[in-house]
């Protein structure tokens, strides 16, 4: 449904305010329940225990504001179903991530659950004919969609390895996605993009270095599925197949590059790509003597430049 610029800003601000308010509440709950990310593994870079549950604030903020806006706009039942088809897989993966934060799931079952969520989302997107770049083959569309969703889901999770890294990058990607979809009159995706940007920036108030709370797998998996679904629904207003295919990749290029670097590095060393390590982009920058805060800002700037380039080619 079409909305004005002011209405999108209100969506952004409402989510920003709600998540910004909920995050310290979740921090207090995590501390009281002793739910911490402990620096008890070799790949951990923080020195003191940091509370989890920031992802719960993000999930609540995005879900509450999205459905409240739908009720306010008096959406039809079809619109509620469409919104649920986007949010439900993200919420389910977020809850699985929360379980992982609390119980420490093994990588195998976690990947299997992500794949099931990807298959479900691909079925919804293709059955509704809402994949932004169809190949003409439903089978190929489905395979690409599943790979994209699972890949981005893990990329965001992998990229959440330094204070503010994942939250800031998803915020930049969401703002870029909002610009593209607002210009192209894809109002549903624009609305969810503004909500996602508001949630991540609201959380970033508490997650920037030195982080007072982490989003955990709950937030990373939720945001991963959500931003993957929104970008694959994008229909770029550009000439040329390569530009159309490059647009969603460039919007999320930094997390993709980080994951690719990590996976290739670990395979070459004969190490499982799913185990932790100090081989992420942020770690490589810090190993060159760049302070933690500056390393994160550099990654944000790289993401911003790539998102700006997407706007240029579109």
C-alpha atoms as a PDB file:
ATOM      1  CA  UNK A   1       0.000   0.000   0.000  1.00  0.00           C
ATOM      2  CA  UNK A   2       1.306   3.427  -0.905  1.00  0.00           C
ATOM      3  CA  UNK A   3       2.537   5.642   1.924  1.00  0.00           C
ATOM      4  CA  UNK A   4       4.024   9.105   2.242  1.00  0.00           C
ATOM      5  CA  UNK A   5       7.594   9.894   3.202  1.00  0.00           C
ATOM      6  CA  UNK A   6       6.368  11.053   6.605  1.00  0.00           C
ATOM      7  CA  UNK A   7       4.627   7.723   7.223  1.00  0.00           C
ATOM      8  CA  UNK A   8       7.813   5.814   6.412  1.00  0.00           C
ATOM      9  CA  UNK A   9       9.744   8.065   8.780  1.00  0.00           C
ATOM     10  CA  UNK A  10       7.184   7.391  11.509  1.00  0.00           C
ATOM     11  CA  UNK A  11       7.633   3.650  10.934  1.00  0.00           C
ATOM     12  CA  UNK A  12      11.387   4.080  11.211  1.00  0.00           C
ATOM     13  CA  UNK A  13      11.201   6.255  14.307  1.00  0.00           C
ATOM     14  CA  UNK A  14       8.629   4.088  16.093  1.00  0.00           C
ATOM     15  CA  UNK A  15      10.773   0.978  15.621  1.00  0.00           C
ATOM     16  CA  UNK A  16      13.918   2.880  16.569  1.00  0.00           C
ATOM     17  CA  UNK A  17      12.289   4.115  19.784  1.00  0.00           C
ATOM     18  CA  UNK A  18      10.771   0.744  20.705  1.00  0.00           C
ATOM     19  CA  UNK A  19      13.932  -1.292  20.142  1.00  0.00           C
ATOM     20  CA  UNK A  20      16.061   1.401  21.757  1.00  0.00           C
ATOM     21  CA  UNK A  21      13.810   1.192  24.827  1.00  0.00           C
ATOM     22  CA  UNK A  22      13.470  -2.597  24.902  1.00  0.00           C
ATOM     23  CA  UNK A  23      17.183  -3.347  24.508  1.00  0.00           C
ATOM     24  CA  UNK A  24      18.273  -2.168  28.001  1.00  0.00           C
ATOM     25  CA  UNK A  25      15.274  -4.034  29.436  1.00  0.00           C
ATOM     26  CA  UNK A  26      16.456  -7.236  27.756  1.00  0.00           C
ATOM     27  CA  UNK A  27      19.957  -6.490  29.016  1.00  0.00           C
ATOM     28  CA  UNK A  28      18.701  -6.386  32.597  1.00  0.00           C
ATOM     29  CA  UNK A  29      16.807  -9.649  32.081  1.00  0.00           C
ATOM     30  CA  UNK A  30      19.899 -11.304  30.596  1.00  0.00           C
ATOM     31  CA  UNK A  31      22.020 -10.164  33.530  1.00  0.00           C
ATOM     32  CA  UNK A  32      19.453 -11.355  36.075  1.00  0.00           C
ATOM     33  CA  UNK A  33      19.220 -14.761  34.364  1.00  0.00           C
ATOM     34  CA  UNK A  34      22.997 -14.899  33.777  1.00  0.00           C
ATOM     35  CA  UNK A  35      22.589 -15.165  30.000  1.00  0.00           C
ATOM     36  CA  UNK A  36      26.023 -14.072  28.811  1.00  0.00           C
ATOM     37  CA  UNK A  37      28.342 -14.466  25.872  1.00  0.00           C
ATOM     38  CA  UNK A  38      31.351 -15.650  27.850  1.00  0.00           C
ATOM     39  CA  UNK A  39      34.915 -15.091  26.571  1.00  0.00           C
ATOM     40  CA  UNK A  40      35.563 -18.807  26.995  1.00  0.00           C
ATOM     41  CA  UNK A  41      36.624 -19.763  23.458  1.00  0.00           C
ATOM     42  CA  UNK A  42      39.700 -19.009  21.397  1.00  0.00           C
ATOM     43  CA  UNK A  43      37.758 -17.081  18.729  1.00  0.00           C
ATOM     44  CA  UNK A  44      36.178 -14.692  21.265  1.00  0.00           C
ATOM     45  CA  UNK A  45      37.680 -11.184  21.225  1.00  0.00           C
ATOM     46  CA  UNK A  46      35.858  -9.581  24.154  1.00  0.00           C
ATOM     47  CA  UNK A  47      37.468  -9.720  27.587  1.00  0.00           C
ATOM     48  CA  UNK A  48      34.411  -9.575  29.857  1.00  0.00           C
ATOM     49  CA  UNK A  49      31.045 -11.419  29.721  1.00  0.00           C
ATOM     50  CA  UNK A  50      28.496  -9.525  27.599  1.00  0.00           C
ATOM     51  CA  UNK A  51      24.731 -10.084  28.017  1.00  0.00           C
ATOM     52  CA  UNK A  52      22.753 -11.657  25.180  1.00  0.00           C
ATOM     53  CA  UNK A  53      19.042 -11.184  24.311  1.00  0.00           C
ATOM     54  CA  UNK A  54      19.453  -8.027  22.219  1.00  0.00           C
ATOM     55  CA  UNK A  55      18.020 -10.008  19.334  1.00  0.00           C
ATOM     56  CA  UNK A  56      14.779 -10.468  21.274  1.00  0.00           C
ATOM     57  CA  UNK A  57      14.337  -6.689  21.385  1.00  0.00           C
ATOM     58  CA  UNK A  58      14.885  -6.520  17.612  1.00  0.00           C
ATOM     59  CA  UNK A  59      12.375  -9.300  16.928  1.00  0.00           C
ATOM     60  CA  UNK A  60       9.727  -7.735  19.165  1.00  0.00           C
ATOM     61  CA  UNK A  61      10.290  -4.261  17.740  1.00  0.00           C
ATOM     62  CA  UNK A  62      10.039  -5.284  14.085  1.00  0.00           C
ATOM     63  CA  UNK A  63       7.058  -7.567  14.659  1.00  0.00           C
ATOM     64  CA  UNK A  64       5.022  -5.208  16.846  1.00  0.00           C
ATOM     65  CA  UNK A  65       5.505  -2.118  14.673  1.00  0.00           C
ATOM     66  CA  UNK A  66       4.903  -4.026  11.422  1.00  0.00           C
ATOM     67  CA  UNK A  67       1.596  -5.513  12.565  1.00  0.00           C
ATOM     68  CA  UNK A  68       0.544  -2.308  14.320  1.00  0.00           C
ATOM     69  CA  UNK A  69       1.084  -0.424  11.066  1.00  0.00           C
ATOM     70  CA  UNK A  70      -0.891  -3.068   9.179  1.00  0.00           C
ATOM     71  CA  UNK A  71      -3.817  -2.719  11.589  1.00  0.00           C
ATOM     72  CA  UNK A  72      -3.653   1.071  11.451  1.00  0.00           C
ATOM     73  CA  UNK A  73      -3.698   1.039   7.638  1.00  0.00           C
ATOM     74  CA  UNK A  74      -6.635  -1.400   7.699  1.00  0.00           C
ATOM     75  CA  UNK A  75      -4.927  -3.938   5.490  1.00  0.00           C
ATOM     76  CA  UNK A  76      -6.974  -6.704   3.929  1.00  0.00           C
ATOM     77  CA  UNK A  77      -6.492 -10.319   4.993  1.00  0.00           C
ATOM     78  CA  UNK A  78      -4.278 -10.834   1.932  1.00  0.00           C
ATOM     79  CA  UNK A  79      -1.949  -8.121   3.181  1.00  0.00           C
ATOM     80  CA  UNK A  80      -1.717  -9.716   6.624  1.00  0.00           C
ATOM     81  CA  UNK A  81      -0.892 -13.046   5.002  1.00  0.00           C
ATOM     82  CA  UNK A  82       1.765 -11.377   2.861  1.00  0.00           C
ATOM     83  CA  UNK A  83       3.323  -9.719   5.911  1.00  0.00           C
ATOM     84  CA  UNK A  84       3.228 -12.987   7.825  1.00  0.00           C
ATOM     85  CA  UNK A  85       4.845 -14.851   4.938  1.00  0.00           C
ATOM     86  CA  UNK A  86       7.850 -12.535   5.298  1.00  0.00           C
ATOM     87  CA  UNK A  87       8.018 -12.277   9.092  1.00  0.00           C
ATOM     88  CA  UNK A  88       7.103 -15.849  10.099  1.00  0.00           C
ATOM     89  CA  UNK A  89      10.275 -17.553   8.768  1.00  0.00           C
ATOM     90  CA  UNK A  90      12.413 -14.792  10.281  1.00  0.00           C
ATOM     91  CA  UNK A  91      10.685 -15.125  13.664  1.00  0.00           C
ATOM     92  CA  UNK A  92      11.013 -18.921  13.614  1.00  0.00           C
ATOM     93  CA  UNK A  93      14.746 -18.685  12.834  1.00  0.00           C
ATOM     94  CA  UNK A  94      15.081 -15.997  15.485  1.00  0.00           C
ATOM     95  CA  UNK A  95      13.544 -18.333  18.068  1.00  0.00           C
ATOM     96  CA  UNK A  96      15.866 -21.124  16.948  1.00  0.00           C
ATOM     97  CA  UNK A  97      18.733 -18.673  17.343  1.00  0.00           C
ATOM     98  CA  UNK A  98      17.512 -17.828  20.843  1.00  0.00           C
ATOM     99  CA  UNK A  99      17.508 -21.522  21.669  1.00  0.00           C
ATOM    100  CA  UNK A 100      21.071 -21.665  20.361  1.00  0.00           C
ATOM    101  CA  UNK A 101      22.034 -18.696  22.548  1.00  0.00           C
ATOM    102  CA  UNK A 102      20.630 -20.474  25.584  1.00  0.00           C
ATOM    103  CA  UNK A 103      21.531 -24.096  24.836  1.00  0.00           C
ATOM    104  CA  UNK A 104      24.352 -23.902  22.248  1.00  0.00           C
ATOM    105  CA  UNK A 105      23.047 -25.942  19.306  1.00  0.00           C
ATOM    106  CA  UNK A 106      25.447 -27.868  17.099  1.00  0.00           C
ATOM    107  CA  UNK A 107      26.122 -26.376  13.628  1.00  0.00           C
ATOM    108  CA  UNK A 108      24.558 -29.321  11.753  1.00  0.00           C
ATOM    109  CA  UNK A 109      21.014 -29.100  13.143  1.00  0.00           C
ATOM    110  CA  UNK A 110      21.132 -25.310  12.959  1.00  0.00           C
ATOM    111  CA  UNK A 111      22.038 -25.427   9.250  1.00  0.00           C
ATOM    112  CA  UNK A 112      19.293 -27.996   8.600  1.00  0.00           C
ATOM    113  CA  UNK A 113      16.687 -25.742  10.224  1.00  0.00           C
ATOM    114  CA  UNK A 114      17.923 -22.756   8.194  1.00  0.00           C
ATOM    115  CA  UNK A 115      17.561 -24.808   5.007  1.00  0.00           C
ATOM    116  CA  UNK A 116      13.990 -25.781   5.878  1.00  0.00           C
ATOM    117  CA  UNK A 117      13.153 -22.118   6.509  1.00  0.00           C
ATOM    118  CA  UNK A 118      14.773 -21.220   3.183  1.00  0.00           C
ATOM    119  CA  UNK A 119      12.735 -23.829   1.327  1.00  0.00           C
ATOM    120  CA  UNK A 120       9.514 -22.602   2.959  1.00  0.00           C
ATOM    121  CA  UNK A 121      10.290 -18.984   2.100  1.00  0.00           C
ATOM    122  CA  UNK A 122      11.222 -19.899  -1.466  1.00  0.00           C
ATOM    123  CA  UNK A 123       7.917 -21.727  -1.874  1.00  0.00           C
ATOM    124  CA  UNK A 124       5.992 -18.681  -0.633  1.00  0.00           C
ATOM    125  CA  UNK A 125       7.886 -16.249  -2.852  1.00  0.00           C
ATOM    126  CA  UNK A 126       7.629 -18.338  -6.004  1.00  0.00           C
ATOM    127  CA  UNK A 127       3.999 -19.346  -5.459  1.00  0.00           C
ATOM    128  CA  UNK A 128       3.129 -15.660  -5.034  1.00  0.00           C
ATOM    129  CA  UNK A 129       5.300 -14.721  -8.029  1.00  0.00           C
ATOM    130  CA  UNK A 130       7.149 -12.169  -5.892  1.00  0.00           C
ATOM    131  CA  UNK A 131      10.777 -13.103  -6.635  1.00  0.00           C
ATOM    132  CA  UNK A 132      12.397  -9.958  -7.959  1.00  0.00           C
ATOM    133  CA  UNK A 133      14.685 -11.586 -10.545  1.00  0.00           C
ATOM    134  CA  UNK A 134      13.004 -14.730 -11.896  1.00  0.00           C
ATOM    135  CA  UNK A 135      15.015 -16.891 -14.270  1.00  0.00           C
ATOM    136  CA  UNK A 136      11.991 -18.279 -16.048  1.00  0.00           C
ATOM    137  CA  UNK A 137      12.449 -21.659 -14.352  1.00  0.00           C
ATOM    138  CA  UNK A 138      10.635 -22.233 -11.069  1.00  0.00           C
ATOM    139  CA  UNK A 139      13.113 -24.961 -10.124  1.00  0.00           C
ATOM    140  CA  UNK A 140      16.103 -22.695 -10.704  1.00  0.00           C
ATOM    141  CA  UNK A 141      14.325 -19.809  -8.955  1.00  0.00           C
ATOM    142  CA  UNK A 142      13.722 -22.064  -5.956  1.00  0.00           C
ATOM    143  CA  UNK A 143      17.335 -23.285  -5.786  1.00  0.00           C
ATOM    144  CA  UNK A 144      18.744 -19.737  -6.049  1.00  0.00           C
ATOM    145  CA  UNK A 145      16.287 -18.452  -3.451  1.00  0.00           C
ATOM    146  CA  UNK A 146      17.129 -21.179  -0.920  1.00  0.00           C
ATOM    147  CA  UNK A 147      20.876 -20.686  -1.419  1.00  0.00           C
ATOM    148  CA  UNK A 148      20.475 -16.912  -1.079  1.00  0.00           C
ATOM    149  CA  UNK A 149      18.403 -17.076   2.102  1.00  0.00           C
ATOM    150  CA  UNK A 150      20.600 -19.666   3.832  1.00  0.00           C
ATOM    151  CA  UNK A 151      23.754 -17.906   2.643  1.00  0.00           C
ATOM    152  CA  UNK A 152      22.720 -14.425   3.798  1.00  0.00           C
ATOM    153  CA  UNK A 153      21.358 -15.810   7.051  1.00  0.00           C
ATOM    154  CA  UNK A 154      24.780 -17.271   7.825  1.00  0.00           C
ATOM    155  CA  UNK A 155      26.622 -14.224   6.471  1.00  0.00           C
ATOM    156  CA  UNK A 156      24.875 -11.900   8.914  1.00  0.00           C
ATOM    157  CA  UNK A 157      25.488 -14.402  11.721  1.00  0.00           C
ATOM    158  CA  UNK A 158      29.174 -14.695  10.780  1.00  0.00           C
ATOM    159  CA  UNK A 159      29.508 -10.923  10.497  1.00  0.00           C
ATOM    160  CA  UNK A 160      28.240 -10.436  14.034  1.00  0.00           C
ATOM    161  CA  UNK A 161      31.779 -10.935  15.328  1.00  0.00           C
ATOM    162  CA  UNK A 162      32.615  -7.401  16.458  1.00  0.00           C
ATOM    163  CA  UNK A 163      30.726  -4.686  18.326  1.00  0.00           C
ATOM    164  CA  UNK A 164      28.215  -3.027  16.006  1.00  0.00           C
ATOM    165  CA  UNK A 165      29.401  -4.861  12.896  1.00  0.00           C
ATOM    166  CA  UNK A 166      26.243  -6.707  11.890  1.00  0.00           C
ATOM    167  CA  UNK A 167      23.747  -4.154  13.230  1.00  0.00           C
ATOM    168  CA  UNK A 168      25.411  -1.214  11.478  1.00  0.00           C
ATOM    169  CA  UNK A 169      25.819  -3.022   8.169  1.00  0.00           C
ATOM    170  CA  UNK A 170      22.226  -4.287   8.099  1.00  0.00           C
ATOM    171  CA  UNK A 171      21.071  -0.745   8.919  1.00  0.00           C
ATOM    172  CA  UNK A 172      22.994   0.637   5.921  1.00  0.00           C
ATOM    173  CA  UNK A 173      21.710  -2.117   3.619  1.00  0.00           C
ATOM    174  CA  UNK A 174      18.137  -1.536   4.831  1.00  0.00           C
ATOM    175  CA  UNK A 175      18.352   2.204   4.186  1.00  0.00           C
ATOM    176  CA  UNK A 176      19.689   1.522   0.696  1.00  0.00           C
ATOM    177  CA  UNK A 177      16.924  -0.978   0.070  1.00  0.00           C
ATOM    178  CA  UNK A 178      14.371   1.534   1.314  1.00  0.00           C
ATOM    179  CA  UNK A 179      15.654   4.157  -1.146  1.00  0.00           C
ATOM    180  CA  UNK A 180      15.441   1.763  -4.098  1.00  0.00           C
ATOM    181  CA  UNK A 181      12.005   0.402  -3.271  1.00  0.00           C
ATOM    182  CA  UNK A 182      10.578   3.825  -2.431  1.00  0.00           C
ATOM    183  CA  UNK A 183      11.769   5.138  -5.788  1.00  0.00           C
ATOM    184  CA  UNK A 184      10.370   2.081  -7.575  1.00  0.00           C
ATOM    185  CA  UNK A 185       7.054   2.248  -5.685  1.00  0.00           C
ATOM    186  CA  UNK A 186       7.518  -1.141  -4.027  1.00  0.00           C
ATOM    187  CA  UNK A 187       5.802   0.149  -0.934  1.00  0.00           C
ATOM    188  CA  UNK A 188       5.528  -3.088   1.036  1.00  0.00           C
ATOM    189  CA  UNK A 189       9.284  -3.733   0.898  1.00  0.00           C
ATOM    190  CA  UNK A 190       9.989  -0.043   1.544  1.00  0.00           C
ATOM    191  CA  UNK A 191       7.913  -0.186   4.734  1.00  0.00           C
ATOM    192  CA  UNK A 192       9.651  -3.279   6.063  1.00  0.00           C
ATOM    193  CA  UNK A 193      13.040  -1.844   5.094  1.00  0.00           C
ATOM    194  CA  UNK A 194      12.367   1.308   7.106  1.00  0.00           C
ATOM    195  CA  UNK A 195      11.269  -0.809  10.077  1.00  0.00           C
ATOM    196  CA  UNK A 196      14.418  -2.945   9.815  1.00  0.00           C
ATOM    197  CA  UNK A 197      16.624   0.145   9.647  1.00  0.00           C
ATOM    198  CA  UNK A 198      14.906   1.626  12.695  1.00  0.00           C
ATOM    199  CA  UNK A 199      15.319  -1.599  14.667  1.00  0.00           C
ATOM    200  CA  UNK A 200      19.013  -2.030  13.893  1.00  0.00           C
ATOM    201  CA  UNK A 201      19.894   1.609  14.599  1.00  0.00           C
ATOM    202  CA  UNK A 202      17.893   1.522  17.844  1.00  0.00           C
ATOM    203  CA  UNK A 203      19.805  -1.584  18.881  1.00  0.00           C
ATOM    204  CA  UNK A 204      23.097  -0.056  17.741  1.00  0.00           C
ATOM    205  CA  UNK A 205      22.791   2.561  20.488  1.00  0.00           C
ATOM    206  CA  UNK A 206      23.601  -0.250  22.921  1.00  0.00           C
ATOM    207  CA  UNK A 207      25.687  -2.474  20.668  1.00  0.00           C
ATOM    208  CA  UNK A 208      28.287  -0.004  19.397  1.00  0.00           C
ATOM    209  CA  UNK A 209      31.772  -0.423  20.823  1.00  0.00           C
ATOM    210  CA  UNK A 210      32.137  -1.095  23.676  1.00  0.00           C
ATOM    211  CA  UNK A 211      28.998  -3.213  23.363  1.00  0.00           C
ATOM    212  CA  UNK A 212      26.755  -3.419  26.417  1.00  0.00           C
ATOM    213  CA  UNK A 213      24.656  -6.188  24.859  1.00  0.00           C
ATOM    214  CA  UNK A 214      24.881  -8.588  21.904  1.00  0.00           C
ATOM    215  CA  UNK A 215      22.083  -9.544  19.525  1.00  0.00           C
ATOM    216  CA  UNK A 216      23.169 -13.185  19.628  1.00  0.00           C
ATOM    217  CA  UNK A 217      22.066 -15.784  17.109  1.00  0.00           C
ATOM    218  CA  UNK A 218      18.449 -14.759  17.786  1.00  0.00           C
ATOM    219  CA  UNK A 219      18.979 -11.324  16.263  1.00  0.00           C
ATOM    220  CA  UNK A 220      21.481 -12.361  13.608  1.00  0.00           C
ATOM    221  CA  UNK A 221      19.322 -15.170  12.190  1.00  0.00           C
ATOM    222  CA  UNK A 222      16.153 -13.059  12.347  1.00  0.00           C
ATOM    223  CA  UNK A 223      17.795 -10.162  10.514  1.00  0.00           C
ATOM    224  CA  UNK A 224      19.510 -12.523   8.084  1.00  0.00           C
ATOM    225  CA  UNK A 225      16.282 -14.153   6.920  1.00  0.00           C
ATOM    226  CA  UNK A 226      14.447 -10.827   6.870  1.00  0.00           C
ATOM    227  CA  UNK A 227      16.995  -8.870   4.817  1.00  0.00           C
ATOM    228  CA  UNK A 228      17.552 -11.848   2.495  1.00  0.00           C
ATOM    229  CA  UNK A 229      13.817 -12.106   1.813  1.00  0.00           C
ATOM    230  CA  UNK A 230      13.426  -8.367   1.235  1.00  0.00           C
ATOM    231  CA  UNK A 231      16.395  -8.111  -1.136  1.00  0.00           C
ATOM    232  CA  UNK A 232      15.312 -11.086  -3.224  1.00  0.00           C
ATOM    233  CA  UNK A 233      11.850  -9.520  -3.576  1.00  0.00           C
ATOM    234  CA  UNK A 234      13.440  -6.329  -4.881  1.00  0.00           C
ATOM    235  CA  UNK A 235      12.742  -5.506  -8.517  1.00  0.00           C
ATOM    236  CA  UNK A 236      15.563  -3.127  -9.501  1.00  0.00           C
ATOM    237  CA  UNK A 237      14.720  -0.323 -11.915  1.00  0.00           C
ATOM    238  CA  UNK A 238      17.776  -0.852 -14.060  1.00  0.00           C
ATOM    239  CA  UNK A 239      18.712  -1.871 -17.578  1.00  0.00           C
ATOM    240  CA  UNK A 240      20.763  -4.995 -18.107  1.00  0.00           C
ATOM    241  CA  UNK A 241      20.573  -8.398 -16.477  1.00  0.00           C
ATOM    242  CA  UNK A 242      23.938  -8.075 -14.742  1.00  0.00           C
ATOM    243  CA  UNK A 243      22.904  -4.875 -12.969  1.00  0.00           C
ATOM    244  CA  UNK A 244      19.669  -6.459 -11.882  1.00  0.00           C
ATOM    245  CA  UNK A 245      21.451  -9.509 -10.460  1.00  0.00           C
ATOM    246  CA  UNK A 246      24.256  -7.430  -8.929  1.00  0.00           C
ATOM    247  CA  UNK A 247      21.919  -5.116  -7.008  1.00  0.00           C
ATOM    248  CA  UNK A 248      20.975  -7.416  -4.085  1.00  0.00           C
ATOM    249  CA  UNK A 249      24.537  -8.764  -3.934  1.00  0.00           C
ATOM    250  CA  UNK A 250      26.039  -5.271  -3.680  1.00  0.00           C
ATOM    251  CA  UNK A 251      23.530  -4.284  -1.007  1.00  0.00           C
ATOM    252  CA  UNK A 252      24.940  -7.053   1.189  1.00  0.00           C
ATOM    253  CA  UNK A 253      28.419  -7.265  -0.322  1.00  0.00           C
ATOM    254  CA  UNK A 254      30.401  -6.721   2.884  1.00  0.00           C
ATOM    255  CA  UNK A 255      28.843  -9.620   4.872  1.00  0.00           C
ATOM    256  CA  UNK A 256      29.060 -11.786   1.740  1.00  0.00           C
ATOM    257  CA  UNK A 257      32.743 -10.896   1.300  1.00  0.00           C
ATOM    258  CA  UNK A 258      33.413 -11.602   4.959  1.00  0.00           C
ATOM    259  CA  UNK A 259      31.771 -15.032   4.806  1.00  0.00           C
ATOM    260  CA  UNK A 260      33.505 -15.917   1.527  1.00  0.00           C
ATOM    261  CA  UNK A 261      36.896 -14.928   2.944  1.00  0.00           C
ATOM    262  CA  UNK A 262      36.319 -16.959   6.096  1.00  0.00           C
ATOM    263  CA  UNK A 263      35.036 -20.080   4.332  1.00  0.00           C
ATOM    264  CA  UNK A 264      37.838 -20.119   1.726  1.00  0.00           C
ATOM    265  CA  UNK A 265      40.479 -19.475   4.398  1.00  0.00           C
ATOM    266  CA  UNK A 266      39.241 -22.286   6.619  1.00  0.00           C
ATOM    267  CA  UNK A 267      38.843 -24.804   3.806  1.00  0.00           C
ATOM    268  CA  UNK A 268      42.413 -24.098   2.698  1.00  0.00           C
ATOM    269  CA  UNK A 269      43.598 -24.742   6.263  1.00  0.00           C
ATOM    270  CA  UNK A 270      41.552 -27.930   6.525  1.00  0.00           C
ATOM    271  CA  UNK A 271      39.308 -26.431   9.189  1.00  0.00           C
ATOM    272  CA  UNK A 272      35.513 -26.614   9.355  1.00  0.00           C
ATOM    273  CA  UNK A 273      33.949 -23.393   7.986  1.00  0.00           C
ATOM    274  CA  UNK A 274      31.357 -23.588  10.774  1.00  0.00           C
ATOM    275  CA  UNK A 275      33.785 -23.271  13.660  1.00  0.00           C
ATOM    276  CA  UNK A 276      34.842 -19.909  15.118  1.00  0.00           C
ATOM    277  CA  UNK A 277      38.088 -18.141  14.306  1.00  0.00           C
ATOM    278  CA  UNK A 278      40.002 -14.873  14.053  1.00  0.00           C
ATOM    279  CA  UNK A 279      39.894 -14.716  10.256  1.00  0.00           C
ATOM    280  CA  UNK A 280      36.978 -12.331   9.687  1.00  0.00           C
ATOM    281  CA  UNK A 281      37.462  -8.990   7.948  1.00  0.00           C
ATOM    282  CA  UNK A 282      37.240  -7.165  11.266  1.00  0.00           C
ATOM    283  CA  UNK A 283      39.938  -9.388  12.762  1.00  0.00           C
ATOM    284  CA  UNK A 284      42.180  -8.914   9.733  1.00  0.00           C
ATOM    285  CA  UNK A 285      41.899  -5.142  10.059  1.00  0.00           C
ATOM    286  CA  UNK A 286      42.631  -5.264  13.788  1.00  0.00           C
ATOM    287  CA  UNK A 287      45.607  -7.556  13.166  1.00  0.00           C
ATOM    288  CA  UNK A 288      47.044  -4.761  11.022  1.00  0.00           C
ATOM    289  CA  UNK A 289      46.972  -2.449  13.998  1.00  0.00           C
ATOM    290  CA  UNK A 290      43.641  -0.737  13.310  1.00  0.00           C
ATOM    291  CA  UNK A 291      41.695  -0.135  16.551  1.00  0.00           C
ATOM    292  CA  UNK A 292      38.448  -2.074  17.008  1.00  0.00           C
ATOM    293  CA  UNK A 293      36.163   0.965  16.701  1.00  0.00           C
ATOM    294  CA  UNK A 294      37.919   2.208  13.569  1.00  0.00           C
ATOM    295  CA  UNK A 295      37.820  -1.249  11.977  1.00  0.00           C
ATOM    296  CA  UNK A 296      34.046  -1.350  12.389  1.00  0.00           C
ATOM    297  CA  UNK A 297      33.652   2.161  10.971  1.00  0.00           C
ATOM    298  CA  UNK A 298      35.787   1.212   7.956  1.00  0.00           C
ATOM    299  CA  UNK A 299      33.516  -1.753   7.269  1.00  0.00           C
ATOM    300  CA  UNK A 300      30.476   0.514   7.591  1.00  0.00           C
ATOM    301  CA  UNK A 301      32.004   2.966   5.116  1.00  0.00           C
ATOM    302  CA  UNK A 302      32.744   0.158   2.652  1.00  0.00           C
ATOM    303  CA  UNK A 303      29.140  -1.004   2.910  1.00  0.00           C
ATOM    304  CA  UNK A 304      27.895   2.565   2.491  1.00  0.00           C
ATOM    305  CA  UNK A 305      29.983   3.113  -0.638  1.00  0.00           C
ATOM    306  CA  UNK A 306      28.702  -0.092  -2.219  1.00  0.00           C
ATOM    307  CA  UNK A 307      25.097   0.769  -1.367  1.00  0.00           C
ATOM    308  CA  UNK A 308      25.634   4.244  -2.856  1.00  0.00           C
ATOM    309  CA  UNK A 309      26.981   2.613  -6.019  1.00  0.00           C
ATOM    310  CA  UNK A 310      23.806   0.513  -6.199  1.00  0.00           C
ATOM    311  CA  UNK A 311      21.787   3.721  -6.072  1.00  0.00           C
ATOM    312  CA  UNK A 312      23.932   5.145  -8.862  1.00  0.00           C
ATOM    313  CA  UNK A 313      23.418   2.211 -11.250  1.00  0.00           C
ATOM    314  CA  UNK A 314      19.709   2.146 -10.535  1.00  0.00           C
END
